[in-house]
């Protein structure tokens, strides 16, 4: 739908705006909420990324619009998260791969946006903020009521190696060609966590057993948990922008 440029555009925007509070990449445009310190520089960056990565039919770089107060900021963050739903591309904002709403609820291995700075910008406590924001976003009529529950990690479950591979790529937003080294490490760590023999996971991935043991032990716990969350919830593991399977390398 969005095409292979999505991952590169997302990465470029993330590098340019590391302090963003919300972002969403749509098929022909993107939305971004970030601190507005240098208007001219920000406008140039946005124009550059639109020209370089935008496909045919892409809209021109958005006009910068200051957000006046905390109430409007909350509504705008909600608006950004709801864009795919209001465009009838999905009924669940958490299922749209290129949205920082996924980051906010813990479904991304290396999140761009985390709850603490967003909560601070809105003058709210960080504790429980992700649940509050998810409830605020999913209260919109464009969202399937079944999407209102905040995804949580169950106590234990089983999953196939293919399913783990898909979840690893989705959690890492790794959609271009073959999976990256980091995604393959994540696959091995999660496979080991859900009690697949390391030997079987190594064979599935096509890496030596010794390397598989070393890689599976090198992944931080929070990264594993984000992937397990995607694995446990089909609406996270099968994003509206399409899924990718883990292939041998």
Protein backbone atom coordinates (compact mmCIF):
# COMPACT_ATOMS: atom_id res chain seq x y z
CA UNK A 1 0.00 0.00 0.00
CA UNK A 2 2.66 2.50 1.02
CA UNK A 3 5.52 0.67 -0.63
CA UNK A 4 9.18 0.00 0.21
CA UNK A 5 9.93 3.70 0.77
CA UNK A 6 7.94 3.61 4.02
CA UNK A 7 10.74 2.17 6.16
CA UNK A 8 13.30 4.64 4.84
CA UNK A 9 10.99 7.62 5.18
CA UNK A 10 10.07 6.57 8.72
CA UNK A 11 13.74 6.18 9.67
CA UNK A 12 14.60 9.55 8.14
CA UNK A 13 11.83 11.36 9.99
CA UNK A 14 12.84 9.65 13.21
CA UNK A 15 16.45 10.82 12.83
CA UNK A 16 15.35 14.36 12.02
CA UNK A 17 12.74 14.59 14.80
CA UNK A 18 13.88 12.37 17.69
CA UNK A 19 11.72 14.32 20.16
CA UNK A 20 8.47 13.91 18.21
CA UNK A 21 5.31 13.28 20.22
CA UNK A 22 3.32 11.59 17.44
CA UNK A 23 3.74 10.51 13.83
CA UNK A 24 1.76 8.59 11.24
CA UNK A 25 2.70 7.66 7.69
CA UNK A 26 -0.24 7.45 5.27
CA UNK A 27 -0.28 6.26 1.64
CA UNK A 28 0.07 9.79 0.22
CA UNK A 29 1.17 11.98 3.14
CA UNK A 30 2.38 11.92 6.73
CA UNK A 31 1.54 13.61 10.03
CA UNK A 32 4.08 14.69 12.61
CA UNK A 33 3.87 16.48 15.96
CA UNK A 34 7.23 17.71 17.25
CA UNK A 35 8.69 20.61 19.25
CA UNK A 36 8.74 23.67 17.01
CA UNK A 37 12.03 25.43 17.77
CA UNK A 38 13.43 26.33 14.36
CA UNK A 39 10.61 26.84 11.86
CA UNK A 40 12.83 27.29 8.79
CA UNK A 41 15.00 24.24 9.50
CA UNK A 42 11.99 22.01 10.21
CA UNK A 43 10.28 23.12 7.01
CA UNK A 44 13.40 22.32 4.98
CA UNK A 45 13.71 18.87 6.56
CA UNK A 46 10.08 18.05 5.84
CA UNK A 47 10.39 19.19 2.22
CA UNK A 48 13.56 17.15 1.76
CA UNK A 49 12.00 13.95 3.07
CA UNK A 50 8.82 14.45 1.05
CA UNK A 51 10.81 14.92 -2.18
CA UNK A 52 13.22 12.06 -1.52
CA UNK A 53 10.88 9.37 -0.26
CA UNK A 54 7.38 10.32 -1.32
CA UNK A 55 5.96 8.21 -4.15
CA UNK A 56 3.76 9.23 -7.08
CA UNK A 57 0.71 11.17 -5.96
CA UNK A 58 2.28 12.29 -2.68
CA UNK A 59 1.09 15.55 -1.24
CA UNK A 60 3.55 18.40 -0.81
CA UNK A 61 5.28 18.92 2.53
CA UNK A 62 2.77 19.89 5.22
CA UNK A 63 2.47 23.46 6.45
CA UNK A 64 3.81 23.93 9.97
CA UNK A 65 1.03 24.76 12.41
CA UNK A 66 1.85 25.65 16.03
CA UNK A 67 -0.35 23.94 18.65
CA UNK A 68 -1.60 26.54 21.09
CA UNK A 69 -2.43 24.65 24.28
CA UNK A 70 -2.39 21.29 26.06
CA UNK A 71 -6.00 20.49 25.22
CA UNK A 72 -5.41 21.00 21.51
CA UNK A 73 -2.17 19.01 21.71
CA UNK A 74 -4.04 16.01 23.13
CA UNK A 75 -6.66 16.27 20.39
CA UNK A 76 -3.99 16.52 17.70
CA UNK A 77 -2.10 13.47 19.00
CA UNK A 78 -5.41 11.61 18.93
CA UNK A 79 -6.08 12.89 15.41
CA UNK A 80 -2.72 11.62 14.18
CA UNK A 81 -3.34 8.15 15.65
CA UNK A 82 -6.84 8.03 14.14
CA UNK A 83 -5.83 8.96 10.58
CA UNK A 84 -5.76 5.35 9.26
CA UNK A 85 -9.14 4.64 10.86
CA UNK A 86 -10.83 7.77 9.56
CA UNK A 87 -9.45 7.00 6.10
CA UNK A 88 -11.09 3.54 6.35
CA UNK A 89 -7.73 1.76 6.05
CA UNK A 90 -8.24 -0.10 9.34
CA UNK A 91 -10.65 -0.15 12.28
CA UNK A 92 -7.88 -0.43 14.87
CA UNK A 93 -5.25 2.33 15.27
CA UNK A 94 -2.83 -0.16 16.86
CA UNK A 95 -2.89 -2.29 13.73
CA UNK A 96 -1.43 0.46 11.51
CA UNK A 97 2.28 -0.30 11.27
CA UNK A 98 3.49 3.22 10.52
CA UNK A 99 2.02 5.00 13.54
CA UNK A 100 3.66 5.90 16.82
CA UNK A 101 0.51 4.80 18.61
CA UNK A 102 2.07 1.33 18.41
CA UNK A 103 5.21 2.68 20.08
CA UNK A 104 3.16 4.28 22.83
CA UNK A 105 1.40 1.05 23.82
CA UNK A 106 4.61 -1.01 23.88
CA UNK A 107 4.34 -2.94 20.60
CA UNK A 108 7.61 -1.68 19.06
CA UNK A 109 11.02 -3.12 19.84
CA UNK A 110 12.87 0.21 19.61
CA UNK A 111 10.16 2.85 20.05
CA UNK A 112 10.45 6.32 18.60
CA UNK A 113 7.81 7.75 20.97
CA UNK A 114 7.47 6.58 24.58
CA UNK A 115 4.78 7.45 27.15
CA UNK A 116 6.86 9.61 29.52
CA UNK A 117 7.55 12.65 27.27
CA UNK A 118 4.04 12.61 25.84
CA UNK A 119 2.53 12.45 29.32
CA UNK A 120 4.79 15.32 30.42
CA UNK A 121 3.78 17.44 27.42
CA UNK A 122 0.12 16.90 28.31
CA UNK A 123 0.66 17.55 32.01
CA UNK A 124 -0.36 14.03 33.00
CA UNK A 125 1.27 11.37 35.18
CA UNK A 126 3.38 8.79 33.33
CA UNK A 127 1.90 5.90 35.33
CA UNK A 128 -1.00 4.46 33.36
CA UNK A 129 -0.63 7.04 30.60
CA UNK A 130 -0.47 4.53 27.71
CA UNK A 131 -3.77 3.01 28.83
CA UNK A 132 -5.38 6.44 29.12
CA UNK A 133 -4.22 7.53 25.67
CA UNK A 134 -5.29 4.25 24.09
CA UNK A 135 -8.75 4.63 25.62
CA UNK A 136 -8.93 8.25 24.44
CA UNK A 137 -7.96 7.29 20.88
CA UNK A 138 -10.17 4.22 20.57
CA UNK A 139 -13.26 6.06 21.80
CA UNK A 140 -13.70 7.48 18.29
CA UNK A 141 -16.60 6.10 16.17
CA UNK A 142 -14.15 5.14 13.39
CA UNK A 143 -12.60 2.50 15.68
CA UNK A 144 -13.92 -1.03 16.15
CA UNK A 145 -15.10 -1.26 19.80
CA UNK A 146 -13.13 -4.49 20.13
CA UNK A 147 -9.93 -2.45 19.69
CA UNK A 148 -10.56 -0.54 22.92
CA UNK A 149 -8.78 -3.07 25.15
CA UNK A 150 -5.13 -2.22 25.68
CA UNK A 151 -3.04 -5.19 24.48
CA UNK A 152 -1.42 -6.98 27.39
CA UNK A 153 1.11 -9.76 27.61
CA UNK A 154 -0.49 -13.06 28.68
CA UNK A 155 1.20 -15.33 31.20
CA UNK A 156 2.17 -17.95 28.66
CA UNK A 157 1.38 -19.11 25.15
CA UNK A 158 2.72 -21.14 22.25
CA UNK A 159 3.58 -19.97 18.75
CA UNK A 160 5.08 -21.41 15.61
CA UNK A 161 8.49 -20.29 14.37
CA UNK A 162 6.84 -18.70 11.34
CA UNK A 163 4.56 -16.68 13.62
CA UNK A 164 7.53 -15.61 15.73
CA UNK A 165 9.34 -14.50 12.58
CA UNK A 166 6.42 -12.34 11.50
CA UNK A 167 6.09 -10.81 14.97
CA UNK A 168 9.82 -10.03 15.10
CA UNK A 169 9.72 -8.19 11.78
CA UNK A 170 6.60 -6.26 12.75
CA UNK A 171 7.95 -5.30 16.19
CA UNK A 172 11.15 -4.10 14.52
CA UNK A 173 9.30 -2.44 11.60
CA UNK A 174 11.72 -4.39 9.41
CA UNK A 175 9.92 -4.60 6.06
CA UNK A 176 12.61 -4.30 3.39
CA UNK A 177 14.05 -7.40 1.71
CA UNK A 178 15.48 -9.97 4.10
CA UNK A 179 15.36 -9.42 7.86
CA UNK A 180 18.16 -7.42 9.43
CA UNK A 181 20.71 -8.90 11.81
CA UNK A 182 18.92 -7.29 14.76
CA UNK A 183 15.60 -8.78 13.70
CA UNK A 184 17.15 -12.23 13.38
CA UNK A 185 18.60 -11.89 16.88
CA UNK A 186 15.15 -10.93 18.11
CA UNK A 187 13.60 -13.94 16.41
CA UNK A 188 16.02 -16.28 18.17
CA UNK A 189 15.52 -14.63 21.57
CA UNK A 190 11.73 -14.84 21.35
CA UNK A 191 11.79 -18.40 20.01
CA UNK A 192 13.91 -19.38 22.99
CA UNK A 193 11.55 -17.53 25.38
CA UNK A 194 8.51 -19.48 24.17
CA UNK A 195 10.47 -22.70 24.60
CA UNK A 196 11.41 -23.62 21.05
CA UNK A 197 14.71 -25.54 21.01
CA UNK A 198 17.51 -23.21 19.97
CA UNK A 199 18.68 -25.86 17.54
CA UNK A 200 15.31 -25.80 15.74
CA UNK A 201 15.24 -21.99 15.64
CA UNK A 202 18.80 -21.88 14.32
CA UNK A 203 17.95 -24.38 11.61
CA UNK A 204 14.81 -22.39 10.69
CA UNK A 205 16.88 -19.22 10.36
CA UNK A 206 19.88 -20.89 8.74
CA UNK A 207 22.55 -19.82 11.24
CA UNK A 208 25.15 -21.89 13.13
CA UNK A 209 24.00 -23.19 16.51
CA UNK A 210 26.76 -21.45 18.47
CA UNK A 211 25.86 -18.11 16.90
CA UNK A 212 22.17 -18.74 17.60
CA UNK A 213 22.88 -19.21 21.32
CA UNK A 214 25.01 -16.07 21.42
CA UNK A 215 22.49 -13.96 19.52
CA UNK A 216 19.50 -15.17 21.52
CA UNK A 217 21.19 -14.11 24.77
CA UNK A 218 22.07 -10.61 23.54
CA UNK A 219 18.57 -9.10 23.20
CA UNK A 220 17.30 -6.74 25.96
CA UNK A 221 14.23 -7.80 27.90
CA UNK A 222 12.03 -4.88 26.84
CA UNK A 223 12.69 -5.68 23.18
CA UNK A 224 11.63 -9.28 23.70
CA UNK A 225 8.48 -8.16 25.52
CA UNK A 226 7.43 -5.85 22.68
CA UNK A 227 7.72 -8.76 20.25
CA UNK A 228 5.84 -11.10 22.56
CA UNK A 229 3.04 -8.51 22.72
CA UNK A 230 2.80 -8.53 18.92
CA UNK A 231 2.95 -12.30 18.90
CA UNK A 232 0.13 -12.63 21.43
CA UNK A 233 -2.26 -10.24 19.65
CA UNK A 234 -3.12 -10.90 15.98
CA UNK A 235 -4.17 -7.29 15.46
CA UNK A 236 -0.58 -6.27 16.24
CA UNK A 237 1.13 -9.15 14.45
CA UNK A 238 -0.85 -8.71 11.22
CA UNK A 239 -0.65 -4.94 10.60
CA UNK A 240 -2.93 -3.24 8.12
CA UNK A 241 0.07 -2.33 5.95
CA UNK A 242 0.79 -6.03 5.37
CA UNK A 243 3.07 -8.54 7.11
CA UNK A 244 6.46 -9.98 6.29
CA UNK A 245 7.64 -13.46 7.14
CA UNK A 246 11.05 -14.44 8.48
CA UNK A 247 13.07 -16.09 5.74
CA UNK A 248 16.30 -18.03 5.91
CA UNK A 249 19.45 -16.09 5.17
